[in-house]
C-alpha atoms as a PDB file:
ATOM      1  CA  UNK A   1       0.165   0.212   0.109  1.00  0.00           C
ATOM      2  CA  UNK A   2       1.355   3.256  -1.016  1.00  0.00           C
ATOM      3  CA  UNK A   3       1.828   6.399   1.466  1.00  0.00           C
ATOM      4  CA  UNK A   4      -1.234   8.366  -0.122  1.00  0.00           C
ATOM      5  CA  UNK A   5      -3.503   5.414  -0.056  1.00  0.00           C
ATOM      6  CA  UNK A   6      -2.494   4.592   3.403  1.00  0.00           C
ATOM      7  CA  UNK A   7      -3.264   8.238   4.541  1.00  0.00           C
ATOM      8  CA  UNK A   8      -6.452   8.067   2.850  1.00  0.00           C
ATOM      9  CA  UNK A   9      -7.712   4.775   4.385  1.00  0.00           C
ATOM     10  CA  UNK A  10      -6.356   6.103   7.892  1.00  0.00           C
ATOM     11  CA  UNK A  11      -8.466   9.503   7.642  1.00  0.00           C
ATOM     12  CA  UNK A  12     -11.490   7.608   6.371  1.00  0.00           C
ATOM     13  CA  UNK A  13     -11.333   5.465   9.623  1.00  0.00           C
ATOM     14  CA  UNK A  14     -10.731   8.454  11.657  1.00  0.00           C
ATOM     15  CA  UNK A  15     -13.950   9.850  10.232  1.00  0.00           C
ATOM     16  CA  UNK A  16     -16.113   6.714  10.811  1.00  0.00           C
ATOM     17  CA  UNK A  17     -14.776   6.672  14.331  1.00  0.00           C
ATOM     18  CA  UNK A  18     -15.917  10.361  14.910  1.00  0.00           C
ATOM     19  CA  UNK A  19     -19.336   9.855  13.314  1.00  0.00           C
ATOM     20  CA  UNK A  20     -19.968   6.796  15.687  1.00  0.00           C
ATOM     21  CA  UNK A  21     -18.715   8.563  18.521  1.00  0.00           C
ATOM     22  CA  UNK A  22     -20.447  11.778  17.563  1.00  0.00           C
ATOM     23  CA  UNK A  23     -23.936   9.778  17.614  1.00  0.00           C
ATOM     24  CA  UNK A  24     -23.203   8.107  20.696  1.00  0.00           C
ATOM     25  CA  UNK A  25     -22.562  11.488  22.246  1.00  0.00           C
ATOM     26  CA  UNK A  26     -25.754  12.852  20.848  1.00  0.00           C
ATOM     27  CA  UNK A  27     -27.604   9.914  22.273  1.00  0.00           C
ATOM     28  CA  UNK A  28     -26.194  10.355  25.680  1.00  0.00           C
ATOM     29  CA  UNK A  29     -26.867  14.126  25.522  1.00  0.00           C
ATOM     30  CA  UNK A  30     -30.510  13.525  24.674  1.00  0.00           C
ATOM     31  CA  UNK A  31     -30.920  10.754  27.418  1.00  0.00           C
ATOM     32  CA  UNK A  32     -29.404  12.958  29.963  1.00  0.00           C
ATOM     33  CA  UNK A  33     -31.520  15.832  29.088  1.00  0.00           C
ATOM     34  CA  UNK A  34     -34.710  13.749  29.179  1.00  0.00           C
ATOM     35  CA  UNK A  35     -33.828  12.284  32.437  1.00  0.00           C
ATOM     36  CA  UNK A  36     -33.031  15.879  34.184  1.00  0.00           C
ATOM     37  CA  UNK A  37     -36.253  17.247  32.233  1.00  0.00           C
ATOM     38  CA  UNK A  38     -38.452  14.345  34.203  1.00  0.00           C
ATOM     39  CA  UNK A  39     -36.623  14.743  37.510  1.00  0.00           C
ATOM     40  CA  UNK A  40     -37.487  18.666  37.692  1.00  0.00           C
ATOM     41  CA  UNK A  41     -41.064  18.065  36.354  1.00  0.00           C
ATOM     42  CA  UNK A  42     -41.708  15.473  39.116  1.00  0.00           C
ATOM     43  CA  UNK A  43     -39.955  17.701  41.686  1.00  0.00           C
ATOM     44  CA  UNK A  44     -42.289  20.569  40.724  1.00  0.00           C
ATOM     45  CA  UNK A  45     -45.218  18.321  40.798  1.00  0.00           C
ATOM     46  CA  UNK A  46     -44.280  17.081  44.049  1.00  0.00           C
ATOM     47  CA  UNK A  47     -43.935  20.703  45.415  1.00  0.00           C
ATOM     48  CA  UNK A  48     -47.044  21.623  44.134  1.00  0.00           C
ATOM     49  CA  UNK A  49     -48.758  18.950  45.733  1.00  0.00           C
ATOM     50  CA  UNK A  50     -47.492  19.589  49.178  1.00  0.00           C
ATOM     51  CA  UNK A  51     -48.473  23.355  48.771  1.00  0.00           C
ATOM     52  CA  UNK A  52     -51.930  22.598  47.378  1.00  0.00           C
ATOM     53  CA  UNK A  53     -52.775  19.665  49.330  1.00  0.00           C
ATOM     54  CA  UNK A  54     -53.295  15.729  48.518  1.00  0.00           C
ATOM     55  CA  UNK A  55     -57.262  16.511  48.050  1.00  0.00           C
ATOM     56  CA  UNK A  56     -56.329  19.089  45.123  1.00  0.00           C
ATOM     57  CA  UNK A  57     -53.286  17.711  43.648  1.00  0.00           C
ATOM     58  CA  UNK A  58     -52.016  14.084  44.658  1.00  0.00           C
ATOM     59  CA  UNK A  59     -48.452  13.512  44.834  1.00  0.00           C
ATOM     60  CA  UNK A  60     -46.352  11.602  42.260  1.00  0.00           C
ATOM     61  CA  UNK A  61     -45.975   8.639  44.487  1.00  0.00           C
ATOM     62  CA  UNK A  62     -49.757   8.706  45.255  1.00  0.00           C
ATOM     63  CA  UNK A  63     -50.711   8.803  41.420  1.00  0.00           C
ATOM     64  CA  UNK A  64     -48.313   5.937  41.013  1.00  0.00           C
ATOM     65  CA  UNK A  65     -50.068   3.934  43.799  1.00  0.00           C
ATOM     66  CA  UNK A  66     -53.557   4.885  42.191  1.00  0.00           C
ATOM     67  CA  UNK A  67     -52.137   3.327  38.726  1.00  0.00           C
ATOM     68  CA  UNK A  68     -51.471   0.297  40.671  1.00  0.00           C
ATOM     69  CA  UNK A  69     -54.717   0.081  42.212  1.00  0.00           C
ATOM     70  CA  UNK A  70     -56.573   0.650  38.900  1.00  0.00           C
ATOM     71  CA  UNK A  71     -54.318  -2.174  37.274  1.00  0.00           C
ATOM     72  CA  UNK A  72     -55.134  -4.610  40.197  1.00  0.00           C
ATOM     73  CA  UNK A  73     -58.744  -3.887  39.597  1.00  0.00           C
ATOM     74  CA  UNK A  74     -58.468  -4.659  36.083  1.00  0.00           C
ATOM     75  CA  UNK A  75     -59.895  -1.163  35.204  1.00  0.00           C
ATOM     76  CA  UNK A  76     -57.205   0.673  33.552  1.00  0.00           C
ATOM     77  CA  UNK A  77     -55.947  -1.687  30.949  1.00  0.00           C
ATOM     78  CA  UNK A  78     -59.711  -1.864  29.988  1.00  0.00           C
ATOM     79  CA  UNK A  79     -59.888   1.788  29.770  1.00  0.00           C
ATOM     80  CA  UNK A  80     -56.799   1.988  27.540  1.00  0.00           C
ATOM     81  CA  UNK A  81     -57.868  -0.583  25.108  1.00  0.00           C
ATOM     82  CA  UNK A  82     -61.376   1.125  24.729  1.00  0.00           C
ATOM     83  CA  UNK A  83     -60.016   4.485  24.071  1.00  0.00           C
ATOM     84  CA  UNK A  84     -57.158   3.360  21.741  1.00  0.00           C
ATOM     85  CA  UNK A  85     -59.666   1.421  19.506  1.00  0.00           C
ATOM     86  CA  UNK A  86     -61.795   4.558  18.966  1.00  0.00           C
ATOM     87  CA  UNK A  87     -58.907   6.829  18.634  1.00  0.00           C
ATOM     88  CA  UNK A  88     -57.105   4.908  16.053  1.00  0.00           C
ATOM     89  CA  UNK A  89     -60.260   3.832  14.346  1.00  0.00           C
ATOM     90  CA  UNK A  90     -61.591   7.608  13.895  1.00  0.00           C
ATOM     91  CA  UNK A  91     -57.951   8.730  13.098  1.00  0.00           C
ATOM     92  CA  UNK A  92     -57.301   6.217  10.586  1.00  0.00           C
ATOM     93  CA  UNK A  93     -60.787   7.134   8.774  1.00  0.00           C
ATOM     94  CA  UNK A  94     -60.097  10.675   8.944  1.00  0.00           C
ATOM     95  CA  UNK A  95     -56.690  10.373   7.582  1.00  0.00           C
ATOM     96  CA  UNK A  96     -57.654   8.205   4.442  1.00  0.00           C
ATOM     97  CA  UNK A  97     -60.604  10.762   3.896  1.00  0.00           C
ATOM     98  CA  UNK A  98     -58.766  13.771   4.585  1.00  0.00           C
ATOM     99  CA  UNK A  99     -55.676  12.928   2.615  1.00  0.00           C
ATOM    100  CA  UNK A 100     -57.309  12.731  -0.976  1.00  0.00           C
ATOM    101  CA  UNK A 101     -59.496  15.751  -0.318  1.00  0.00           C
ATOM    102  CA  UNK A 102     -56.600  17.790   0.433  1.00  0.00           C
ATOM    103  CA  UNK A 103     -54.732  16.641  -2.707  1.00  0.00           C
ATOM    104  CA  UNK A 104     -57.771  17.673  -4.765  1.00  0.00           C
ATOM    105  CA  UNK A 105     -58.121  20.863  -3.074  1.00  0.00           C
ATOM    106  CA  UNK A 106     -54.325  21.610  -3.621  1.00  0.00           C
ATOM    107  CA  UNK A 107     -54.386  20.728  -7.373  1.00  0.00           C
ATOM    108  CA  UNK A 108     -57.765  21.714  -8.502  1.00  0.00           C
ATOM    109  CA  UNK A 109     -58.819  25.383  -7.856  1.00  0.00           C
ATOM    110  CA  UNK A 110     -62.500  25.023  -8.462  1.00  0.00           C
ATOM    111  CA  UNK A 111     -62.683  22.292  -5.879  1.00  0.00           C
ATOM    112  CA  UNK A 112     -60.609  24.275  -3.365  1.00  0.00           C
ATOM    113  CA  UNK A 113     -62.869  27.379  -4.036  1.00  0.00           C
ATOM    114  CA  UNK A 114     -65.949  25.009  -3.421  1.00  0.00           C
ATOM    115  CA  UNK A 115     -64.923  23.443  -0.498  1.00  0.00           C
ATOM    116  CA  UNK A 116     -62.795  26.059   1.263  1.00  0.00           C
ATOM    117  CA  UNK A 117     -65.925  27.606   3.138  1.00  0.00           C
ATOM    118  CA  UNK A 118     -67.087  24.558   4.678  1.00  0.00           C
ATOM    119  CA  UNK A 119     -63.556  23.451   5.935  1.00  0.00           C
ATOM    120  CA  UNK A 120     -62.594  26.993   7.381  1.00  0.00           C
ATOM    121  CA  UNK A 121     -66.218  27.208   9.151  1.00  0.00           C
ATOM    122  CA  UNK A 122     -66.515  23.713  10.433  1.00  0.00           C
ATOM    123  CA  UNK A 123     -62.881  23.441  11.652  1.00  0.00           C
ATOM    124  CA  UNK A 124     -63.701  26.001  14.152  1.00  0.00           C
ATOM    125  CA  UNK A 125     -66.774  24.047  15.888  1.00  0.00           C
ATOM    126  CA  UNK A 126     -65.248  22.444  18.847  1.00  0.00           C
ATOM    127  CA  UNK A 127     -65.753  18.905  18.832  1.00  0.00           C
ATOM    128  CA  UNK A 128     -67.430  18.941  22.380  1.00  0.00           C
ATOM    129  CA  UNK A 129     -70.278  21.137  20.982  1.00  0.00           C
ATOM    130  CA  UNK A 130     -70.961  18.133  18.466  1.00  0.00           C
ATOM    131  CA  UNK A 131     -70.892  15.289  21.407  1.00  0.00           C
ATOM    132  CA  UNK A 132     -74.953  15.414  21.980  1.00  0.00           C
ATOM    133  CA  UNK A 133     -75.607  15.858  18.269  1.00  0.00           C
ATOM    134  CA  UNK A 134     -73.262  12.672  17.522  1.00  0.00           C
ATOM    135  CA  UNK A 135     -75.350  10.634  20.124  1.00  0.00           C
ATOM    136  CA  UNK A 136     -78.755  11.892  18.565  1.00  0.00           C
ATOM    137  CA  UNK A 137     -77.492  10.892  15.145  1.00  0.00           C
ATOM    138  CA  UNK A 138     -75.633   7.651  15.900  1.00  0.00           C
ATOM    139  CA  UNK A 139     -76.900   6.653  19.262  1.00  0.00           C
ATOM    140  CA  UNK A 140     -74.442   5.924  22.502  1.00  0.00           C
ATOM    141  CA  UNK A 141     -72.525   3.218  20.696  1.00  0.00           C
ATOM    142  CA  UNK A 142     -69.185   3.027  19.225  1.00  0.00           C
ATOM    143  CA  UNK A 143     -70.276   4.745  16.220  1.00  0.00           C
ATOM    144  CA  UNK A 144     -70.971   8.312  17.905  1.00  0.00           C
ATOM    145  CA  UNK A 145     -67.414   8.427  19.617  1.00  0.00           C
ATOM    146  CA  UNK A 146     -65.478   7.159  16.290  1.00  0.00           C
ATOM    147  CA  UNK A 147     -67.605   9.602  14.430  1.00  0.00           C
ATOM    148  CA  UNK A 148     -66.586  12.568  16.651  1.00  0.00           C
ATOM    149  CA  UNK A 149     -63.002  11.632  16.322  1.00  0.00           C
ATOM    150  CA  UNK A 150     -63.205  11.507  12.426  1.00  0.00           C
ATOM    151  CA  UNK A 151     -64.551  15.004  12.495  1.00  0.00           C
ATOM    152  CA  UNK A 152     -61.816  16.426  14.682  1.00  0.00           C
ATOM    153  CA  UNK A 153     -59.115  14.469  12.688  1.00  0.00           C
ATOM    154  CA  UNK A 154     -60.339  15.369   9.060  1.00  0.00           C
ATOM    155  CA  UNK A 155     -59.780  18.982   8.773  1.00  0.00           C
ATOM    156  CA  UNK A 156     -56.443  19.045  10.248  1.00  0.00           C
ATOM    157  CA  UNK A 157     -55.446  16.477   7.626  1.00  0.00           C
ATOM    158  CA  UNK A 158     -57.089  18.355   4.679  1.00  0.00           C
ATOM    159  CA  UNK A 159     -55.447  21.675   5.698  1.00  0.00           C
ATOM    160  CA  UNK A 160     -51.893  20.199   5.823  1.00  0.00           C
ATOM    161  CA  UNK A 161     -52.292  18.172   2.914  1.00  0.00           C
ATOM    162  CA  UNK A 162     -53.685  21.198   0.951  1.00  0.00           C
ATOM    163  CA  UNK A 163     -50.885  23.376   1.793  1.00  0.00           C
ATOM    164  CA  UNK A 164     -48.315  20.706   1.135  1.00  0.00           C
ATOM    165  CA  UNK A 165     -49.916  20.163  -2.411  1.00  0.00           C
ATOM    166  CA  UNK A 166     -50.142  23.779  -3.345  1.00  0.00           C
ATOM    167  CA  UNK A 167     -46.461  24.133  -2.513  1.00  0.00           C
ATOM    168  CA  UNK A 168     -45.259  21.725  -5.167  1.00  0.00           C
ATOM    169  CA  UNK A 169     -43.135  23.385  -7.777  1.00  0.00           C
ATOM    170  CA  UNK A 170     -44.860  23.572 -11.177  1.00  0.00           C
ATOM    171  CA  UNK A 171     -41.579  22.967 -12.685  1.00  0.00           C
ATOM    172  CA  UNK A 172     -41.554  19.148 -11.388  1.00  0.00           C
ATOM    173  CA  UNK A 173     -45.047  18.808 -12.935  1.00  0.00           C
ATOM    174  CA  UNK A 174     -44.119  19.926 -16.279  1.00  0.00           C
ATOM    175  CA  UNK A 175     -40.889  18.122 -16.227  1.00  0.00           C
ATOM    176  CA  UNK A 176     -42.882  14.826 -15.713  1.00  0.00           C
ATOM    177  CA  UNK A 177     -45.470  15.837 -18.409  1.00  0.00           C
ATOM    178  CA  UNK A 178     -42.569  16.618 -20.736  1.00  0.00           C
ATOM    179  CA  UNK A 179     -41.213  13.035 -20.258  1.00  0.00           C
ATOM    180  CA  UNK A 180     -44.783  11.737 -21.429  1.00  0.00           C
ATOM    181  CA  UNK A 181     -46.270  11.220 -17.954  1.00  0.00           C
ATOM    182  CA  UNK A 182     -50.215  11.251 -18.009  1.00  0.00           C
ATOM    183  CA  UNK A 183     -52.177  12.793 -15.071  1.00  0.00           C
ATOM    184  CA  UNK A 184     -52.395   9.649 -12.730  1.00  0.00           C
ATOM    185  CA  UNK A 185     -48.614   9.063 -13.284  1.00  0.00           C
ATOM    186  CA  UNK A 186     -48.164  12.796 -12.512  1.00  0.00           C
ATOM    187  CA  UNK A 187     -50.158  12.161  -9.096  1.00  0.00           C
ATOM    188  CA  UNK A 188     -48.105   9.196  -8.146  1.00  0.00           C
ATOM    189  CA  UNK A 189     -44.791  10.125  -9.223  1.00  0.00           C
ATOM    190  CA  UNK A 190     -44.793  13.931  -8.380  1.00  0.00           C
ATOM    191  CA  UNK A 191     -47.711  15.192  -6.571  1.00  0.00           C
ATOM    192  CA  UNK A 192     -48.075  12.437  -3.737  1.00  0.00           C
ATOM    193  CA  UNK A 193     -44.598  12.118  -2.850  1.00  0.00           C
ATOM    194  CA  UNK A 194     -44.123  15.811  -2.758  1.00  0.00           C
ATOM    195  CA  UNK A 195     -47.010  15.928  -0.113  1.00  0.00           C
ATOM    196  CA  UNK A 196     -46.126  13.163   2.066  1.00  0.00           C
ATOM    197  CA  UNK A 197     -44.394  15.687   4.604  1.00  0.00           C
ATOM    198  CA  UNK A 198     -47.729  17.492   4.686  1.00  0.00           C
ATOM    199  CA  UNK A 199     -49.678  14.384   5.200  1.00  0.00           C
ATOM    200  CA  UNK A 200     -47.312  13.215   8.002  1.00  0.00           C
ATOM    201  CA  UNK A 201     -47.631  16.549   9.934  1.00  0.00           C
ATOM    202  CA  UNK A 202     -51.429  16.361   9.500  1.00  0.00           C
ATOM    203  CA  UNK A 203     -51.587  12.906  10.763  1.00  0.00           C
ATOM    204  CA  UNK A 204     -49.613  13.821  13.874  1.00  0.00           C
ATOM    205  CA  UNK A 205     -51.826  16.863  14.351  1.00  0.00           C
ATOM    206  CA  UNK A 206     -54.868  14.855  13.973  1.00  0.00           C
ATOM    207  CA  UNK A 207     -53.634  12.197  16.444  1.00  0.00           C
ATOM    208  CA  UNK A 208     -53.255  14.923  18.986  1.00  0.00           C
ATOM    209  CA  UNK A 209     -56.599  16.264  18.268  1.00  0.00           C
ATOM    210  CA  UNK A 210     -57.992  12.640  18.561  1.00  0.00           C
ATOM    211  CA  UNK A 211     -56.885  12.499  22.218  1.00  0.00           C
ATOM    212  CA  UNK A 212     -58.297  15.801  22.975  1.00  0.00           C
ATOM    213  CA  UNK A 213     -61.717  14.726  21.760  1.00  0.00           C
ATOM    214  CA  UNK A 214     -62.001  11.248  23.023  1.00  0.00           C
ATOM    215  CA  UNK A 215     -62.090  12.282  26.653  1.00  0.00           C
ATOM    216  CA  UNK A 216     -65.118  14.633  26.339  1.00  0.00           C
ATOM    217  CA  UNK A 217     -66.815  11.959  24.175  1.00  0.00           C
ATOM    218  CA  UNK A 218     -66.387   9.094  26.572  1.00  0.00           C
ATOM    219  CA  UNK A 219     -67.401  11.384  29.582  1.00  0.00           C
ATOM    220  CA  UNK A 220     -70.975  12.064  27.985  1.00  0.00           C
ATOM    221  CA  UNK A 221     -71.842   8.809  26.333  1.00  0.00           C
ATOM    222  CA  UNK A 222     -69.505   5.670  27.245  1.00  0.00           C
ATOM    223  CA  UNK A 223     -69.260   2.840  29.603  1.00  0.00           C
ATOM    224  CA  UNK A 224     -65.797   2.282  29.279  1.00  0.00           C
ATOM    225  CA  UNK A 225     -62.403   4.220  28.455  1.00  0.00           C
ATOM    226  CA  UNK A 226     -60.256   6.679  30.001  1.00  0.00           C
ATOM    227  CA  UNK A 227     -62.661   9.757  29.861  1.00  0.00           C
ATOM    228  CA  UNK A 228     -65.169   7.501  31.595  1.00  0.00           C
ATOM    229  CA  UNK A 229     -62.782   6.614  34.385  1.00  0.00           C
ATOM    230  CA  UNK A 230     -61.824  10.120  34.696  1.00  0.00           C
ATOM    231  CA  UNK A 231     -65.541  11.365  35.091  1.00  0.00           C
ATOM    232  CA  UNK A 232     -66.180   8.042  37.313  1.00  0.00           C
ATOM    233  CA  UNK A 233     -63.063   8.929  39.485  1.00  0.00           C
ATOM    234  CA  UNK A 234     -64.668  12.455  39.975  1.00  0.00           C
ATOM    235  CA  UNK A 235     -67.838  11.119  40.787  1.00  0.00           C
ATOM    236  CA  UNK A 236     -66.439   9.050  43.566  1.00  0.00           C
ATOM    237  CA  UNK A 237     -63.982  11.815  44.755  1.00  0.00           C
ATOM    238  CA  UNK A 238     -60.858  10.046  43.907  1.00  0.00           C
ATOM    239  CA  UNK A 239     -58.461  13.001  42.776  1.00  0.00           C
ATOM    240  CA  UNK A 240     -55.784  10.224  42.694  1.00  0.00           C
ATOM    241  CA  UNK A 241     -57.508   8.283  39.948  1.00  0.00           C
ATOM    242  CA  UNK A 242     -58.222  11.503  37.987  1.00  0.00           C
ATOM    243  CA  UNK A 243     -54.597  12.106  37.926  1.00  0.00           C
ATOM    244  CA  UNK A 244     -53.710   8.569  36.970  1.00  0.00           C
ATOM    245  CA  UNK A 245     -56.072   8.815  34.087  1.00  0.00           C
ATOM    246  CA  UNK A 246     -54.532  12.219  32.968  1.00  0.00           C
ATOM    247  CA  UNK A 247     -51.125  10.783  33.227  1.00  0.00           C
ATOM    248  CA  UNK A 248     -51.946   7.668  31.000  1.00  0.00           C
ATOM    249  CA  UNK A 249     -53.543   9.828  28.311  1.00  0.00           C
ATOM    250  CA  UNK A 250     -50.335  11.790  28.270  1.00  0.00           C
ATOM    251  CA  UNK A 251     -48.236   8.796  28.026  1.00  0.00           C
ATOM    252  CA  UNK A 252     -50.326   7.074  25.422  1.00  0.00           C
ATOM    253  CA  UNK A 253     -50.233  10.305  23.510  1.00  0.00           C
ATOM    254  CA  UNK A 254     -46.631  10.584  23.541  1.00  0.00           C
ATOM    255  CA  UNK A 255     -45.934   6.967  22.425  1.00  0.00           C
ATOM    256  CA  UNK A 256     -48.450   7.086  19.555  1.00  0.00           C
ATOM    257  CA  UNK A 257     -46.596  10.249  18.471  1.00  0.00           C
ATOM    258  CA  UNK A 258     -43.256   8.628  18.769  1.00  0.00           C
ATOM    259  CA  UNK A 259     -44.165   5.495  16.795  1.00  0.00           C
ATOM    260  CA  UNK A 260     -45.926   7.638  13.859  1.00  0.00           C
ATOM    261  CA  UNK A 261     -42.517   9.623  13.780  1.00  0.00           C
ATOM    262  CA  UNK A 262     -40.549   6.503  13.666  1.00  0.00           C
ATOM    263  CA  UNK A 263     -42.473   4.647  10.870  1.00  0.00           C
ATOM    264  CA  UNK A 264     -42.664   7.885   8.956  1.00  0.00           C
ATOM    265  CA  UNK A 265     -38.966   8.402   9.149  1.00  0.00           C
ATOM    266  CA  UNK A 266     -38.379   4.689   8.447  1.00  0.00           C
ATOM    267  CA  UNK A 267     -40.832   4.014   5.534  1.00  0.00           C
ATOM    268  CA  UNK A 268     -41.065   7.489   4.029  1.00  0.00           C
ATOM    269  CA  UNK A 269     -37.615   9.097   4.204  1.00  0.00           C
ATOM    270  CA  UNK A 270     -36.897   8.868   0.642  1.00  0.00           C
ATOM    271  CA  UNK A 271     -39.837  11.581   0.479  1.00  0.00           C
ATOM    272  CA  UNK A 272     -37.960  13.961   2.781  1.00  0.00           C
ATOM    273  CA  UNK A 273     -39.964  13.082   6.052  1.00  0.00           C
ATOM    274  CA  UNK A 274     -38.151  13.675   9.069  1.00  0.00           C
END
């Protein structure tokens, strides 16, 4: 091996070690930051519970004990399963329906002008205002809860997808057409890949809206679910169970969002999603 070749090989090996070391260092910094953040948050929670009293805000340990009590009773996992089924069903329907509507609104002006007033008006009506309406229309079964989550999810997806579609450069479309692509091919090879980042952003926001909506829906018309658990706990004066339900909602929402981000980054990274 010649001297220049050996030097290049040594430099390349050094760069690889630096990259590995840099990645490990970043992961360690993030982990330490998360741990410190959680410790600070729990400490603030504990201080507030001492100041306000256990009847107003239970301590972190009391909340952990309440979670254990609900797990022992078999209530917590049953409530989680019922809520997640409704959230994921309504969110998926909202995503499947809202995505093509957003693409059409972004690409076809007459459709955008026709649907825009409805989107802009309906998206400002809070889901909680329609809980009783959904019960009247669909009854107290699962359909009313799922329909409410579809309502609160679809407009976020439509707006995000429309905005992403309208930002697509016409040069890309013209280049595809100049190469002989028809309308369907342009849609699949240019429009849809370019709109994927907006679709993923809309999906994440819609997931958050779904978690916000499920509590009010289950408080009014449900026999199981985290919203029902929180309302029942209030009825029995169990503030520790209420906080257990709130913490569970937050952790579930965090996990769902992280899973969605990982799937988007893994499966759709070639479309520029991060």
